[in-house]
Amino acid sequence: GILTNETRCLRCETVTAREETFLDLSLDIEQNSSITSCLKNFSSTETLNAEDKFFCDKCC
């Protein structure tokens, strides 16, 4: 499949999208959880800051 990874700058709202092909997904499976909830967790929004901070080419 193809996964689209989007990154949004919190300062200027610029969105950068990158497509990645994959053969399988590595999901964290917790006890008593559904595949649907695991997929939602996998694709949830993450805020990058400190050492993981995203540097925007438009405003930084």
C-alpha atoms as a PDB file:
ATOM      1  CA  GLY A   1       0.000   0.000   0.000  1.00  0.00           C
ATOM      2  CA  ILE A   2       0.873   3.656   0.135  1.00  0.00           C
ATOM      3  CA  LEU A   3       0.987   5.704   3.324  1.00  0.00           C
ATOM      4  CA  THR A   4       0.868   9.509   3.145  1.00  0.00           C
ATOM      5  CA  ASN A   5       2.795  11.189   5.946  1.00  0.00           C
ATOM      6  CA  GLU A   6       1.724  14.818   6.454  1.00  0.00           C
ATOM      7  CA  THR A   7       3.655  17.345   8.536  1.00  0.00           C
ATOM      8  CA  ARG A   8       2.129  20.741   9.384  1.00  0.00           C
ATOM      9  CA  CYS A   9       4.120  23.704  10.645  1.00  0.00           C
ATOM     10  CA  LEU A  10       2.442  25.123  13.756  1.00  0.00           C
ATOM     11  CA  ARG A  11       3.759  28.614  12.981  1.00  0.00           C
ATOM     12  CA  CYS A  12       2.799  29.150   9.309  1.00  0.00           C
ATOM     13  CA  GLU A  13       0.439  26.161   8.755  1.00  0.00           C
ATOM     14  CA  THR A  14       2.436  24.905   5.735  1.00  0.00           C
ATOM     15  CA  VAL A  15       1.703  21.224   5.080  1.00  0.00           C
ATOM     16  CA  THR A  16       4.375  18.920   3.701  1.00  0.00           C
ATOM     17  CA  ALA A  17       3.227  15.519   2.400  1.00  0.00           C
ATOM     18  CA  ARG A  18       5.404  12.496   1.681  1.00  0.00           C
ATOM     19  CA  GLU A  19       4.176   9.186   0.270  1.00  0.00           C
ATOM     20  CA  GLU A  20       5.760   5.956   1.456  1.00  0.00           C
ATOM     21  CA  THR A  21       5.106   2.511   0.060  1.00  0.00           C
ATOM     22  CA  PHE A  22       4.739  -0.394   2.468  1.00  0.00           C
ATOM     23  CA  LEU A  23       4.216  -4.133   2.462  1.00  0.00           C
ATOM     24  CA  ASP A  24       3.052  -4.358   6.067  1.00  0.00           C
ATOM     25  CA  LEU A  25       2.387  -2.132   9.068  1.00  0.00           C
ATOM     26  CA  SER A  26       3.899  -2.551  12.513  1.00  0.00           C
ATOM     27  CA  LEU A  27       1.084  -1.909  14.970  1.00  0.00           C
ATOM     28  CA  ASP A  28       1.275  -1.814  18.744  1.00  0.00           C
ATOM     29  CA  ILE A  29      -1.324  -4.397  19.793  1.00  0.00           C
ATOM     30  CA  GLU A  30      -2.585  -3.955  23.318  1.00  0.00           C
ATOM     31  CA  GLN A  31      -4.525  -6.592  25.198  1.00  0.00           C
ATOM     32  CA  ASN A  32      -8.314  -6.357  24.685  1.00  0.00           C
ATOM     33  CA  SER A  33      -7.994  -3.838  21.840  1.00  0.00           C
ATOM     34  CA  SER A  34      -9.450  -3.996  18.339  1.00  0.00           C
ATOM     35  CA  ILE A  35      -7.610  -3.718  15.040  1.00  0.00           C
ATOM     36  CA  THR A  36      -9.613  -0.546  14.377  1.00  0.00           C
ATOM     37  CA  SER A  37      -8.375   1.125  17.571  1.00  0.00           C
ATOM     38  CA  CYS A  38      -4.799   0.023  16.807  1.00  0.00           C
ATOM     39  CA  LEU A  39      -5.018   1.583  13.321  1.00  0.00           C
ATOM     40  CA  LYS A  40      -6.439   4.811  14.792  1.00  0.00           C
ATOM     41  CA  ASN A  41      -3.547   4.918  17.246  1.00  0.00           C
ATOM     42  CA  PHE A  42      -1.049   4.271  14.421  1.00  0.00           C
ATOM     43  CA  SER A  43      -2.427   7.172  12.365  1.00  0.00           C
ATOM     44  CA  SER A  44      -3.029   9.614  15.220  1.00  0.00           C
ATOM     45  CA  THR A  45      -1.652  13.148  15.280  1.00  0.00           C
ATOM     46  CA  GLU A  46       1.719  13.607  16.938  1.00  0.00           C
ATOM     47  CA  THR A  47       3.221  16.938  17.995  1.00  0.00           C
ATOM     48  CA  LEU A  48       6.951  17.146  17.344  1.00  0.00           C
ATOM     49  CA  ASN A  49       9.005  19.369  19.641  1.00  0.00           C
ATOM     50  CA  ALA A  50      12.404  19.670  21.338  1.00  0.00           C
ATOM     51  CA  GLU A  51      14.857  17.294  19.638  1.00  0.00           C
ATOM     52  CA  ASP A  52      12.127  15.862  17.355  1.00  0.00           C
ATOM     53  CA  LYS A  53      11.034  19.328  16.210  1.00  0.00           C
ATOM     54  CA  PHE A  54      10.129  19.754  12.540  1.00  0.00           C
ATOM     55  CA  PHE A  55      12.022  22.592  10.822  1.00  0.00           C
ATOM     56  CA  CYS A  56       9.851  24.294   8.227  1.00  0.00           C
ATOM     57  CA  ASP A  57      11.565  25.410   5.008  1.00  0.00           C
ATOM     58  CA  LYS A  58       9.009  28.232   4.583  1.00  0.00           C
ATOM     59  CA  CYS A  59       9.345  30.124   7.861  1.00  0.00           C
ATOM     60  CA  CYS A  60      12.361  28.838   9.816  1.00  0.00           C
END
